[in-house]
Amino acid sequence: MYHIDLLQRKLDQLIKESNNPVLYNEIGVLLYQLNDWNNAEMYLQKACQLDSSDEDVLYNYAEILYKQSQWEKSISMYNAYLEIQPHDIEVMQKAGNSYYLIGDYEKAQKMYEPLKRD
């Protein structure tokens, strides 16, 4: 119930601030938590269109794409995120997994390489 009330407040706020990428991101995350992945994707995509340099937006959008098996799109978002946070091991692994799942084993290996320990 908490998520739904919070979602309603965020949607009401969005009416007043229709170009606020943070609100779109927050709504997308709430929808994701409610397992409404299609609408979550729509809001996160809009957040990304409004601010493609926000690492939270890039990460969350990549996650919903990955969750929906949209590997090519998730790769694009993970790579954009890694330009900002190049040492994020979790994202390197997820990008590598996405490459692997589309059959690009060479790029997957390239993503996994920094994850190896000496």
PDB file of N, CA and C in Angstrom:
ATOM      1  N   MET A   1       0.816  -1.189   0.000  1.00  0.00           N
ATOM      2  CA  MET A   1       0.000   0.000   0.000  1.00  0.00           C
ATOM      3  C   MET A   1       0.863   1.258   0.000  1.00  0.00           C
ATOM      4  N   TYR A   2       1.986   1.190   0.720  1.00  0.00           N
ATOM      5  CA  TYR A   2       2.905   2.325   0.791  1.00  0.00           C
ATOM      6  C   TYR A   2       3.367   2.747  -0.599  1.00  0.00           C
ATOM      7  N   HIS A   3       3.760   1.761  -1.416  1.00  0.00           N
ATOM      8  CA  HIS A   3       4.250   2.064  -2.757  1.00  0.00           C
ATOM      9  C   HIS A   3       3.185   2.747  -3.610  1.00  0.00           C
ATOM     10  N   ILE A   4       1.959   2.306  -3.477  1.00  0.00           N
ATOM     11  CA  ILE A   4       0.878   2.878  -4.285  1.00  0.00           C
ATOM     12  C   ILE A   4       0.595   4.315  -3.861  1.00  0.00           C
ATOM     13  N   ASP A   5       0.585   4.574  -2.560  1.00  0.00           N
ATOM     14  CA  ASP A   5       0.381   5.947  -2.080  1.00  0.00           C
ATOM     15  C   ASP A   5       1.517   6.858  -2.528  1.00  0.00           C
ATOM     16  N   LEU A   6       2.726   6.367  -2.397  1.00  0.00           N
ATOM     17  CA  LEU A   6       3.885   7.152  -2.827  1.00  0.00           C
ATOM     18  C   LEU A   6       3.845   7.391  -4.329  1.00  0.00           C
ATOM     19  N   LEU A   7       3.473   6.376  -5.074  1.00  0.00           N
ATOM     20  CA  LEU A   7       3.352   6.507  -6.522  1.00  0.00           C
ATOM     21  C   LEU A   7       2.330   7.580  -6.879  1.00  0.00           C
ATOM     22  N   GLN A   8       1.203   7.587  -6.211  1.00  0.00           N
ATOM     23  CA  GLN A   8       0.171   8.592  -6.480  1.00  0.00           C
ATOM     24  C   GLN A   8       0.691  10.003  -6.203  1.00  0.00           C
ATOM     25  N   ARG A   9       1.419  10.169  -5.110  1.00  0.00           N
ATOM     26  CA  ARG A   9       1.990  11.486  -4.794  1.00  0.00           C
ATOM     27  C   ARG A   9       2.990  11.923  -5.856  1.00  0.00           C
ATOM     28  N   LYS A  10       3.816  10.993  -6.303  1.00  0.00           N
ATOM     29  CA  LYS A  10       4.808  11.318  -7.341  1.00  0.00           C
ATOM     30  C   LYS A  10       4.121  11.675  -8.654  1.00  0.00           C
ATOM     31  N   LEU A  11       3.066  10.959  -9.000  1.00  0.00           N
ATOM     32  CA  LEU A  11       2.328  11.263 -10.232  1.00  0.00           C
ATOM     33  C   LEU A  11       1.663  12.633 -10.140  1.00  0.00           C
ATOM     34  N   ASP A  12       1.126  12.966  -8.983  1.00  0.00           N
ATOM     35  CA  ASP A  12       0.543  14.295  -8.781  1.00  0.00           C
ATOM     36  C   ASP A  12       1.611  15.380  -8.930  1.00  0.00           C
ATOM     37  N   GLN A  13       2.775  15.114  -8.382  1.00  0.00           N
ATOM     38  CA  GLN A  13       3.880  16.068  -8.480  1.00  0.00           C
ATOM     39  C   GLN A  13       4.347  16.208  -9.928  1.00  0.00           C
ATOM     40  N   LEU A  14       4.310  15.115 -10.674  1.00  0.00           N
ATOM     41  CA  LEU A  14       4.751  15.127 -12.066  1.00  0.00           C
ATOM     42  C   LEU A  14       3.883  16.043 -12.924  1.00  0.00           C
ATOM     43  N   ILE A  15       2.621  16.180 -12.574  1.00  0.00           N
ATOM     44  CA  ILE A  15       1.734  17.077 -13.314  1.00  0.00           C
ATOM     45  C   ILE A  15       2.282  18.505 -13.264  1.00  0.00           C
ATOM     46  N   LYS A  16       2.851  18.883 -12.131  1.00  0.00           N
ATOM     47  CA  LYS A  16       3.404  20.231 -11.956  1.00  0.00           C
ATOM     48  C   LYS A  16       4.816  20.356 -12.516  1.00  0.00           C
ATOM     49  N   GLU A  17       5.546  19.257 -12.530  1.00  0.00           N
ATOM     50  CA  GLU A  17       6.950  19.269 -12.960  1.00  0.00           C
ATOM     51  C   GLU A  17       7.163  18.237 -14.065  1.00  0.00           C
ATOM     52  N   SER A  18       6.552  18.467 -15.198  1.00  0.00           N
ATOM     53  CA  SER A  18       6.515  17.456 -16.257  1.00  0.00           C
ATOM     54  C   SER A  18       7.857  17.209 -16.952  1.00  0.00           C
ATOM     55  N   ASN A  19       8.855  18.030 -16.697  1.00  0.00           N
ATOM     56  CA  ASN A  19      10.169  17.819 -17.306  1.00  0.00           C
ATOM     57  C   ASN A  19      11.234  17.489 -16.268  1.00  0.00           C
ATOM     58  N   ASN A  20      10.822  16.885 -15.172  1.00  0.00           N
ATOM     59  CA  ASN A  20      11.732  16.556 -14.088  1.00  0.00           C
ATOM     60  C   ASN A  20      12.186  15.094 -14.213  1.00  0.00           C
ATOM     61  N   PRO A  21      13.432  14.871 -14.660  1.00  0.00           N
ATOM     62  CA  PRO A  21      13.892  13.489 -14.846  1.00  0.00           C
ATOM     63  C   PRO A  21      13.956  12.693 -13.548  1.00  0.00           C
ATOM     64  N   VAL A  22      14.202  13.363 -12.434  1.00  0.00           N
ATOM     65  CA  VAL A  22      14.266  12.665 -11.146  1.00  0.00           C
ATOM     66  C   VAL A  22      12.904  12.058 -10.807  1.00  0.00           C
ATOM     67  N   LEU A  23      11.834  12.804 -11.060  1.00  0.00           N
ATOM     68  CA  LEU A  23      10.486  12.275 -10.806  1.00  0.00           C
ATOM     69  C   LEU A  23      10.177  11.087 -11.705  1.00  0.00           C
ATOM     70  N   TYR A  24      10.515  11.209 -12.984  1.00  0.00           N
ATOM     71  CA  TYR A  24      10.282  10.084 -13.896  1.00  0.00           C
ATOM     72  C   TYR A  24      11.047   8.854 -13.417  1.00  0.00           C
ATOM     73  N   ASN A  25      12.284   9.057 -12.968  1.00  0.00           N
ATOM     74  CA  ASN A  25      13.087   7.950 -12.464  1.00  0.00           C
ATOM     75  C   ASN A  25      12.439   7.333 -11.223  1.00  0.00           C
ATOM     76  N   GLU A  26      12.026   8.175 -10.287  1.00  0.00           N
ATOM     77  CA  GLU A  26      11.416   7.668  -9.054  1.00  0.00           C
ATOM     78  C   GLU A  26      10.123   6.907  -9.337  1.00  0.00           C
ATOM     79  N   ILE A  27       9.320   7.419 -10.259  1.00  0.00           N
ATOM     80  CA  ILE A  27       8.082   6.728 -10.626  1.00  0.00           C
ATOM     81  C   ILE A  27       8.410   5.392 -11.294  1.00  0.00           C
ATOM     82  N   GLY A  28       9.405   5.397 -12.173  1.00  0.00           N
ATOM     83  CA  GLY A  28       9.825   4.160 -12.824  1.00  0.00           C
ATOM     84  C   GLY A  28      10.270   3.113 -11.825  1.00  0.00           C
ATOM     85  N   VAL A  29      11.021   3.528 -10.823  1.00  0.00           N
ATOM     86  CA  VAL A  29      11.490   2.599  -9.791  1.00  0.00           C
ATOM     87  C   VAL A  29      10.309   2.051  -8.986  1.00  0.00           C
ATOM     88  N   LEU A  30       9.381   2.916  -8.627  1.00  0.00           N
ATOM     89  CA  LEU A  30       8.197   2.450  -7.890  1.00  0.00           C
ATOM     90  C   LEU A  30       7.391   1.449  -8.715  1.00  0.00           C
ATOM     91  N   LEU A  31       7.214   1.736  -9.991  1.00  0.00           N
ATOM     92  CA  LEU A  31       6.483   0.809 -10.864  1.00  0.00           C
ATOM     93  C   LEU A  31       7.230  -0.518 -10.991  1.00  0.00           C
ATOM     94  N   TYR A  32       8.547  -0.455 -11.070  1.00  0.00           N
ATOM     95  CA  TYR A  32       9.374  -1.662 -11.101  1.00  0.00           C
ATOM     96  C   TYR A  32       9.123  -2.494  -9.839  1.00  0.00           C
ATOM     97  N   GLN A  33       9.108  -1.826  -8.685  1.00  0.00           N
ATOM     98  CA  GLN A  33       8.888  -2.527  -7.417  1.00  0.00           C
ATOM     99  C   GLN A  33       7.491  -3.141  -7.342  1.00  0.00           C
ATOM    100  N   LEU A  34       6.553  -2.567  -8.094  1.00  0.00           N
ATOM    101  CA  LEU A  34       5.193  -3.105  -8.154  1.00  0.00           C
ATOM    102  C   LEU A  34       5.036  -4.129  -9.285  1.00  0.00           C
ATOM    103  N   ASN A  35       6.160  -4.489  -9.922  1.00  0.00           N
ATOM    104  CA  ASN A  35       6.197  -5.452 -11.031  1.00  0.00           C
ATOM    105  C   ASN A  35       5.423  -4.992 -12.261  1.00  0.00           C
ATOM    106  N   ASP A  36       5.282  -3.694 -12.431  1.00  0.00           N
ATOM    107  CA  ASP A  36       4.660  -3.124 -13.629  1.00  0.00           C
ATOM    108  C   ASP A  36       5.791  -2.689 -14.564  1.00  0.00           C
ATOM    109  N   TRP A  37       6.423  -3.679 -15.176  1.00  0.00           N
ATOM    110  CA  TRP A  37       7.649  -3.429 -15.920  1.00  0.00           C
ATOM    111  C   TRP A  37       7.451  -2.606 -17.183  1.00  0.00           C
ATOM    112  N   ASN A  38       6.342  -2.788 -17.867  1.00  0.00           N
ATOM    113  CA  ASN A  38       6.120  -2.009 -19.093  1.00  0.00           C
ATOM    114  C   ASN A  38       6.018  -0.521 -18.793  1.00  0.00           C
ATOM    115  N   ASN A  39       5.245  -0.175 -17.790  1.00  0.00           N
ATOM    116  CA  ASN A  39       5.134   1.240 -17.426  1.00  0.00           C
ATOM    117  C   ASN A  39       6.418   1.754 -16.785  1.00  0.00           C
ATOM    118  N   ALA A  40       7.088   0.910 -16.020  1.00  0.00           N
ATOM    119  CA  ALA A  40       8.376   1.303 -15.447  1.00  0.00           C
ATOM    120  C   ALA A  40       9.344   1.662 -16.566  1.00  0.00           C
ATOM    121  N   GLU A  41       9.379   0.832 -17.594  1.00  0.00           N
ATOM    122  CA  GLU A  41      10.260   1.111 -18.731  1.00  0.00           C
ATOM    123  C   GLU A  41       9.909   2.449 -19.375  1.00  0.00           C
ATOM    124  N   MET A  42       8.635   2.718 -19.549  1.00  0.00           N
ATOM    125  CA  MET A  42       8.203   3.960 -20.182  1.00  0.00           C
ATOM    126  C   MET A  42       8.682   5.181 -19.377  1.00  0.00           C
ATOM    127  N   TYR A  43       8.515   5.144 -18.076  1.00  0.00           N
ATOM    128  CA  TYR A  43       8.935   6.278 -17.246  1.00  0.00           C
ATOM    129  C   TYR A  43      10.456   6.403 -17.188  1.00  0.00           C
ATOM    130  N   LEU A  44      11.149   5.286 -17.112  1.00  0.00           N
ATOM    131  CA  LEU A  44      12.607   5.337 -17.074  1.00  0.00           C
ATOM    132  C   LEU A  44      13.182   5.792 -18.413  1.00  0.00           C
ATOM    133  N   GLN A  45      12.548   5.401 -19.496  1.00  0.00           N
ATOM    134  CA  GLN A  45      12.981   5.872 -20.810  1.00  0.00           C
ATOM    135  C   GLN A  45      12.827   7.391 -20.900  1.00  0.00           C
ATOM    136  N   LYS A  46      11.724   7.905 -20.413  1.00  0.00           N
ATOM    137  CA  LYS A  46      11.499   9.353 -20.418  1.00  0.00           C
ATOM    138  C   LYS A  46      12.533  10.056 -19.544  1.00  0.00           C
ATOM    139  N   ALA A  47      12.836   9.494 -18.393  1.00  0.00           N
ATOM    140  CA  ALA A  47      13.866  10.069 -17.523  1.00  0.00           C
ATOM    141  C   ALA A  47      15.197  10.131 -18.252  1.00  0.00           C
ATOM    142  N   CYS A  48      15.518   9.082 -18.988  1.00  0.00           N
ATOM    143  CA  CYS A  48      16.769   9.021 -19.744  1.00  0.00           C
ATOM    144  C   CYS A  48      16.777  10.054 -20.871  1.00  0.00           C
ATOM    145  N   GLN A  49      15.646  10.244 -21.521  1.00  0.00           N
ATOM    146  CA  GLN A  49      15.552  11.259 -22.571  1.00  0.00           C
ATOM    147  C   GLN A  49      15.772  12.656 -22.000  1.00  0.00           C
ATOM    148  N   LEU A  50      15.284  12.882 -20.800  1.00  0.00           N
ATOM    149  CA  LEU A  50      15.420  14.195 -20.174  1.00  0.00           C
ATOM    150  C   LEU A  50      16.815  14.435 -19.602  1.00  0.00           C
ATOM    151  N   ASP A  51      17.479  13.372 -19.148  1.00  0.00           N
ATOM    152  CA  ASP A  51      18.825  13.514 -18.585  1.00  0.00           C
ATOM    153  C   ASP A  51      19.603  12.220 -18.774  1.00  0.00           C
ATOM    154  N   SER A  52      20.296  12.138 -19.885  1.00  0.00           N
ATOM    155  CA  SER A  52      21.042  10.914 -20.216  1.00  0.00           C
ATOM    156  C   SER A  52      22.408  10.859 -19.538  1.00  0.00           C
ATOM    157  N   SER A  53      22.680  11.789 -18.636  1.00  0.00           N
ATOM    158  CA  SER A  53      23.953  11.760 -17.921  1.00  0.00           C
ATOM    159  C   SER A  53      23.775  11.426 -16.436  1.00  0.00           C
ATOM    160  N   ASP A  54      22.561  11.172 -16.016  1.00  0.00           N
ATOM    161  CA  ASP A  54      22.288  10.831 -14.618  1.00  0.00           C
ATOM    162  C   ASP A  54      22.532   9.339 -14.421  1.00  0.00           C
ATOM    163  N   GLU A  55      23.497   9.007 -13.587  1.00  0.00           N
ATOM    164  CA  GLU A  55      23.871   7.599 -13.427  1.00  0.00           C
ATOM    165  C   GLU A  55      22.744   6.753 -12.837  1.00  0.00           C
ATOM    166  N   ASP A  56      21.937   7.317 -11.948  1.00  0.00           N
ATOM    167  CA  ASP A  56      20.810   6.556 -11.398  1.00  0.00           C
ATOM    168  C   ASP A  56      19.797   6.221 -12.486  1.00  0.00           C
ATOM    169  N   VAL A  57      19.519   7.199 -13.335  1.00  0.00           N
ATOM    170  CA  VAL A  57      18.584   6.992 -14.446  1.00  0.00           C
ATOM    171  C   VAL A  57      19.122   5.917 -15.384  1.00  0.00           C
ATOM    172  N   LEU A  58      20.389   6.030 -15.766  1.00  0.00           N
ATOM    173  CA  LEU A  58      20.989   5.055 -16.683  1.00  0.00           C
ATOM    174  C   LEU A  58      20.960   3.651 -16.087  1.00  0.00           C
ATOM    175  N   TYR A  59      21.326   3.542 -14.821  1.00  0.00           N
ATOM    176  CA  TYR A  59      21.350   2.234 -14.166  1.00  0.00           C
ATOM    177  C   TYR A  59      19.948   1.633 -14.094  1.00  0.00           C
ATOM    178  N   ASN A  60      18.996   2.418 -13.636  1.00  0.00           N
ATOM    179  CA  ASN A  60      17.633   1.899 -13.480  1.00  0.00           C
ATOM    180  C   ASN A  60      17.015   1.523 -14.820  1.00  0.00           C
ATOM    181  N   TYR A  61      17.259   2.335 -15.835  1.00  0.00           N
ATOM    182  CA  TYR A  61      16.728   2.025 -17.163  1.00  0.00           C
ATOM    183  C   TYR A  61      17.376   0.747 -17.696  1.00  0.00           C
ATOM    184  N   ALA A  62      18.683   0.617 -17.525  1.00  0.00           N
ATOM    185  CA  ALA A  62      19.375  -0.604 -17.955  1.00  0.00           C
ATOM    186  C   ALA A  62      18.809  -1.827 -17.241  1.00  0.00           C
ATOM    187  N   GLU A  63      18.529  -1.686 -15.953  1.00  0.00           N
ATOM    188  CA  GLU A  63      18.011  -2.807 -15.166  1.00  0.00           C
ATOM    189  C   GLU A  63      16.649  -3.286 -15.662  1.00  0.00           C
ATOM    190  N   ILE A  64      15.757  -2.358 -15.964  1.00  0.00           N
ATOM    191  CA  ILE A  64      14.428  -2.778 -16.425  1.00  0.00           C
ATOM    192  C   ILE A  64      14.526  -3.417 -17.807  1.00  0.00           C
ATOM    193  N   LEU A  65      15.419  -2.902 -18.637  1.00  0.00           N
ATOM    194  CA  LEU A  65      15.614  -3.504 -19.958  1.00  0.00           C
ATOM    195  C   LEU A  65      16.183  -4.918 -19.814  1.00  0.00           C
ATOM    196  N   TYR A  66      17.157  -5.073 -18.934  1.00  0.00           N
ATOM    197  CA  TYR A  66      17.763  -6.380 -18.681  1.00  0.00           C
ATOM    198  C   TYR A  66      16.710  -7.355 -18.153  1.00  0.00           C
ATOM    199  N   LYS A  67      15.910  -6.890 -17.214  1.00  0.00           N
ATOM    200  CA  LYS A  67      14.873  -7.729 -16.604  1.00  0.00           C
ATOM    201  C   LYS A  67      13.873  -8.236 -17.644  1.00  0.00           C
ATOM    202  N   GLN A  68      13.675  -7.435 -18.707  1.00  0.00           N
ATOM    203  CA  GLN A  68      12.718  -7.792 -19.757  1.00  0.00           C
ATOM    204  C   GLN A  68      13.400  -8.462 -20.956  1.00  0.00           C
ATOM    205  N   SER A  69      14.642  -8.871 -20.776  1.00  0.00           N
ATOM    206  CA  SER A  69      15.412  -9.568 -21.822  1.00  0.00           C
ATOM    207  C   SER A  69      15.649  -8.716 -23.064  1.00  0.00           C
ATOM    208  N   GLN A  70      15.711  -7.418 -22.894  1.00  0.00           N
ATOM    209  CA  GLN A  70      16.038  -6.513 -23.996  1.00  0.00           C
ATOM    210  C   GLN A  70      17.549  -6.248 -23.942  1.00  0.00           C
ATOM    211  N   TRP A  71      18.298  -7.280 -24.304  1.00  0.00           N
ATOM    212  CA  TRP A  71      19.743  -7.296 -24.094  1.00  0.00           C
ATOM    213  C   TRP A  71      20.465  -6.164 -24.816  1.00  0.00           C
ATOM    214  N   GLU A  72      20.161  -5.947 -26.105  1.00  0.00           N
ATOM    215  CA  GLU A  72      20.871  -4.920 -26.865  1.00  0.00           C
ATOM    216  C   GLU A  72      20.669  -3.541 -26.247  1.00  0.00           C
ATOM    217  N   LYS A  73      19.443  -3.240 -25.885  1.00  0.00           N
ATOM    218  CA  LYS A  73      19.159  -1.941 -25.273  1.00  0.00           C
ATOM    219  C   LYS A  73      19.828  -1.824 -23.899  1.00  0.00           C
ATOM    220  N   SER A  74      19.813  -2.906 -23.144  1.00  0.00           N
ATOM    221  CA  SER A  74      20.438  -2.843 -21.817  1.00  0.00           C
ATOM    222  C   SER A  74      21.943  -2.620 -21.949  1.00  0.00           C
ATOM    223  N   ILE A  75      22.561  -3.216 -22.954  1.00  0.00           N
ATOM    224  CA  ILE A  75      23.992  -3.016 -23.186  1.00  0.00           C
ATOM    225  C   ILE A  75      24.291  -1.543 -23.409  1.00  0.00           C
ATOM    226  N   SER A  76      23.488  -0.908 -24.227  1.00  0.00           N
ATOM    227  CA  SER A  76      23.679   0.510 -24.515  1.00  0.00           C
ATOM    228  C   SER A  76      23.616   1.347 -23.237  1.00  0.00           C
ATOM    229  N   MET A  77      22.659   1.055 -22.389  1.00  0.00           N
ATOM    230  CA  MET A  77      22.504   1.814 -21.142  1.00  0.00           C
ATOM    231  C   MET A  77      23.610   1.478 -20.139  1.00  0.00           C
ATOM    232  N   TYR A  78      23.970   0.197 -20.046  1.00  0.00           N
ATOM    233  CA  TYR A  78      25.069  -0.172 -19.149  1.00  0.00           C
ATOM    234  C   TYR A  78      26.366   0.505 -19.589  1.00  0.00           C
ATOM    235  N   ASN A  79      26.617   0.529 -20.893  1.00  0.00           N
ATOM    236  CA  ASN A  79      27.837   1.172 -21.382  1.00  0.00           C
ATOM    237  C   ASN A  79      27.833   2.670 -21.106  1.00  0.00           C
ATOM    238  N   ALA A  80      26.688   3.314 -21.265  1.00  0.00           N
ATOM    239  CA  ALA A  80      26.585   4.745 -20.946  1.00  0.00           C
ATOM    240  C   ALA A  80      26.860   4.964 -19.454  1.00  0.00           C
ATOM    241  N   TYR A  81      26.337   4.079 -18.629  1.00  0.00           N
ATOM    242  CA  TYR A  81      26.578   4.160 -17.188  1.00  0.00           C
ATOM    243  C   TYR A  81      28.069   3.975 -16.883  1.00  0.00           C
ATOM    244  N   LEU A  82      28.690   3.010 -17.548  1.00  0.00           N
ATOM    245  CA  LEU A  82      30.107   2.730 -17.295  1.00  0.00           C
ATOM    246  C   LEU A  82      31.020   3.865 -17.741  1.00  0.00           C
ATOM    247  N   GLU A  83      30.549   4.714 -18.630  1.00  0.00           N
ATOM    248  CA  GLU A  83      31.332   5.904 -18.977  1.00  0.00           C
ATOM    249  C   GLU A  83      31.421   6.844 -17.779  1.00  0.00           C
ATOM    250  N   ILE A  84      30.414   6.828 -16.935  1.00  0.00           N
ATOM    251  CA  ILE A  84      30.382   7.683 -15.744  1.00  0.00           C
ATOM    252  C   ILE A  84      31.014   6.974 -14.547  1.00  0.00           C
ATOM    253  N   GLN A  85      30.728   5.686 -14.410  1.00  0.00           N
ATOM    254  CA  GLN A  85      31.227   4.861 -13.297  1.00  0.00           C
ATOM    255  C   GLN A  85      31.999   3.664 -13.862  1.00  0.00           C
ATOM    256  N   PRO A  86      33.214   3.890 -14.370  1.00  0.00           N
ATOM    257  CA  PRO A  86      33.930   2.833 -15.098  1.00  0.00           C
ATOM    258  C   PRO A  86      34.384   1.637 -14.259  1.00  0.00           C
ATOM    259  N   HIS A  87      34.327   1.732 -12.955  1.00  0.00           N
ATOM    260  CA  HIS A  87      34.817   0.636 -12.113  1.00  0.00           C
ATOM    261  C   HIS A  87      33.704  -0.098 -11.373  1.00  0.00           C
ATOM    262  N   ASP A  88      32.479   0.059 -11.820  1.00  0.00           N
ATOM    263  CA  ASP A  88      31.342  -0.601 -11.170  1.00  0.00           C
ATOM    264  C   ASP A  88      31.310  -2.070 -11.602  1.00  0.00           C
ATOM    265  N   ILE A  89      31.770  -2.928 -10.726  1.00  0.00           N
ATOM    266  CA  ILE A  89      31.920  -4.353 -11.029  1.00  0.00           C
ATOM    267  C   ILE A  89      30.577  -5.007 -11.354  1.00  0.00           C
ATOM    268  N   GLU A  90      29.545  -4.672 -10.601  1.00  0.00           N
ATOM    269  CA  GLU A  90      28.221  -5.260 -10.834  1.00  0.00           C
ATOM    270  C   GLU A  90      27.726  -4.941 -12.244  1.00  0.00           C
ATOM    271  N   VAL A  91      27.899  -3.705 -12.667  1.00  0.00           N
ATOM    272  CA  VAL A  91      27.424  -3.299 -13.994  1.00  0.00           C
ATOM    273  C   VAL A  91      28.288  -3.919 -15.091  1.00  0.00           C
ATOM    274  N   MET A  92      29.587  -4.033 -14.854  1.00  0.00           N
ATOM    275  CA  MET A  92      30.445  -4.712 -15.835  1.00  0.00           C
ATOM    276  C   MET A  92      29.968  -6.144 -16.042  1.00  0.00           C
ATOM    277  N   GLN A  93      29.638  -6.812 -14.946  1.00  0.00           N
ATOM    278  CA  GLN A  93      29.171  -8.194 -15.041  1.00  0.00           C
ATOM    279  C   GLN A  93      27.840  -8.267 -15.783  1.00  0.00           C
ATOM    280  N   LYS A  94      26.919  -7.366 -15.485  1.00  0.00           N
ATOM    281  CA  LYS A  94      25.616  -7.391 -16.155  1.00  0.00           C
ATOM    282  C   LYS A  94      25.748  -7.059 -17.637  1.00  0.00           C
ATOM    283  N   ALA A  95      26.625  -6.127 -17.968  1.00  0.00           N
ATOM    284  CA  ALA A  95      26.868  -5.825 -19.378  1.00  0.00           C
ATOM    285  C   ALA A  95      27.473  -7.048 -20.059  1.00  0.00           C
ATOM    286  N   GLY A  96      28.424  -7.693 -19.385  1.00  0.00           N
ATOM    287  CA  GLY A  96      29.005  -8.918 -19.923  1.00  0.00           C
ATOM    288  C   GLY A  96      27.966 -10.005 -20.118  1.00  0.00           C
ATOM    289  N   ASN A  97      27.085 -10.158 -19.154  1.00  0.00           N
ATOM    290  CA  ASN A  97      26.004 -11.144 -19.273  1.00  0.00           C
ATOM    291  C   ASN A  97      25.111 -10.828 -20.467  1.00  0.00           C
ATOM    292  N   SER A  98      24.816  -9.551 -20.659  1.00  0.00           N
ATOM    293  CA  SER A  98      23.967  -9.147 -21.789  1.00  0.00           C
ATOM    294  C   SER A  98      24.645  -9.478 -23.113  1.00  0.00           C
ATOM    295  N   TYR A  99      25.933  -9.163 -23.218  1.00  0.00           N
ATOM    296  CA  TYR A  99      26.668  -9.519 -24.438  1.00  0.00           C
ATOM    297  C   TYR A  99      26.634 -11.030 -24.658  1.00  0.00           C
ATOM    298  N   TYR A 100      26.843 -11.772 -23.586  1.00  0.00           N
ATOM    299  CA  TYR A 100      26.822 -13.229 -23.675  1.00  0.00           C
ATOM    300  C   TYR A 100      25.467 -13.727 -24.179  1.00  0.00           C
ATOM    301  N   LEU A 101      24.405 -13.154 -23.652  1.00  0.00           N
ATOM    302  CA  LEU A 101      23.058 -13.597 -24.008  1.00  0.00           C
ATOM    303  C   LEU A 101      22.673 -13.283 -25.451  1.00  0.00           C
ATOM    304  N   ILE A 102      23.339 -12.307 -26.067  1.00  0.00           N
ATOM    305  CA  ILE A 102      23.075 -12.050 -27.492  1.00  0.00           C
ATOM    306  C   ILE A 102      24.089 -12.774 -28.375  1.00  0.00           C
ATOM    307  N   GLY A 103      24.985 -13.531 -27.746  1.00  0.00           N
ATOM    308  CA  GLY A 103      25.938 -14.330 -28.503  1.00  0.00           C
ATOM    309  C   GLY A 103      27.216 -13.609 -28.877  1.00  0.00           C
ATOM    310  N   ASP A 104      27.460 -12.432 -28.314  1.00  0.00           N
ATOM    311  CA  ASP A 104      28.697 -11.700 -28.591  1.00  0.00           C
ATOM    312  C   ASP A 104      29.697 -12.044 -27.493  1.00  0.00           C
ATOM    313  N   TYR A 105      30.288 -13.230 -27.629  1.00  0.00           N
ATOM    314  CA  TYR A 105      31.144 -13.772 -26.582  1.00  0.00           C
ATOM    315  C   TYR A 105      32.448 -12.996 -26.430  1.00  0.00           C
ATOM    316  N   GLU A 106      32.929 -12.423 -27.521  1.00  0.00           N
ATOM    317  CA  GLU A 106      34.168 -11.643 -27.460  1.00  0.00           C
ATOM    318  C   GLU A 106      33.977 -10.396 -26.583  1.00  0.00           C
ATOM    319  N   LYS A 107      32.881  -9.694 -26.802  1.00  0.00           N
ATOM    320  CA  LYS A 107      32.618  -8.499 -25.988  1.00  0.00           C
ATOM    321  C   LYS A 107      32.273  -8.887 -24.551  1.00  0.00           C
ATOM    322  N   ALA A 108      31.615 -10.018 -24.388  1.00  0.00           N
ATOM    323  CA  ALA A 108      31.325 -10.498 -23.032  1.00  0.00           C
ATOM    324  C   ALA A 108      32.639 -10.746 -22.296  1.00  0.00           C
ATOM    325  N   GLN A 109      33.560 -11.425 -22.960  1.00  0.00           N
ATOM    326  CA  GLN A 109      34.861 -11.712 -22.357  1.00  0.00           C
ATOM    327  C   GLN A 109      35.594 -10.421 -21.997  1.00  0.00           C
ATOM    328  N   LYS A 110      35.491  -9.433 -22.865  1.00  0.00           N
ATOM    329  CA  LYS A 110      36.135  -8.139 -22.620  1.00  0.00           C
ATOM    330  C   LYS A 110      35.566  -7.478 -21.355  1.00  0.00           C
ATOM    331  N   MET A 111      34.265  -7.625 -21.145  1.00  0.00           N
ATOM    332  CA  MET A 111      33.638  -7.074 -19.939  1.00  0.00           C
ATOM    333  C   MET A 111      34.043  -7.861 -18.694  1.00  0.00           C
ATOM    334  N   TYR A 112      34.175  -9.169 -18.848  1.00  0.00           N
ATOM    335  CA  TYR A 112      34.508 -10.012 -17.698  1.00  0.00           C
ATOM    336  C   TYR A 112      35.981  -9.898 -17.297  1.00  0.00           C
ATOM    337  N   GLU A 113      36.840  -9.544 -18.231  1.00  0.00           N
ATOM    338  CA  GLU A 113      38.288  -9.524 -17.987  1.00  0.00           C
ATOM    339  C   GLU A 113      38.678  -8.748 -16.722  1.00  0.00           C
ATOM    340  N   PRO A 114      38.173  -7.524 -16.530  1.00  0.00           N
ATOM    341  CA  PRO A 114      38.568  -6.791 -15.308  1.00  0.00           C
ATOM    342  C   PRO A 114      38.036  -7.416 -14.014  1.00  0.00           C
ATOM    343  N   LEU A 115      37.116  -8.351 -14.132  1.00  0.00           N
ATOM    344  CA  LEU A 115      36.528  -8.965 -12.942  1.00  0.00           C
ATOM    345  C   LEU A 115      37.387 -10.100 -12.391  1.00  0.00           C
ATOM    346  N   LYS A 116      38.333 -10.565 -13.198  1.00  0.00           N
ATOM    347  CA  LYS A 116      39.203 -11.659 -12.755  1.00  0.00           C
ATOM    348  C   LYS A 116      40.136 -11.165 -11.663  1.00  0.00           C
ATOM    349  N   ARG A 117      40.342 -12.023 -10.695  1.00  0.00           N
ATOM    350  CA  ARG A 117      41.260 -11.684  -9.600  1.00  0.00           C
ATOM    351  C   ARG A 117      42.583 -12.382  -9.840  1.00  0.00           C
ATOM    352  N   ASP A 118      43.627 -11.737  -9.404  1.00  0.00           N
ATOM    353  CA  ASP A 118      44.972 -12.326  -9.548  1.00  0.00           C
ATOM    354  C   ASP A 118      45.183 -13.463  -8.589  1.00  0.00           C
TER     355      ASP A 118
END
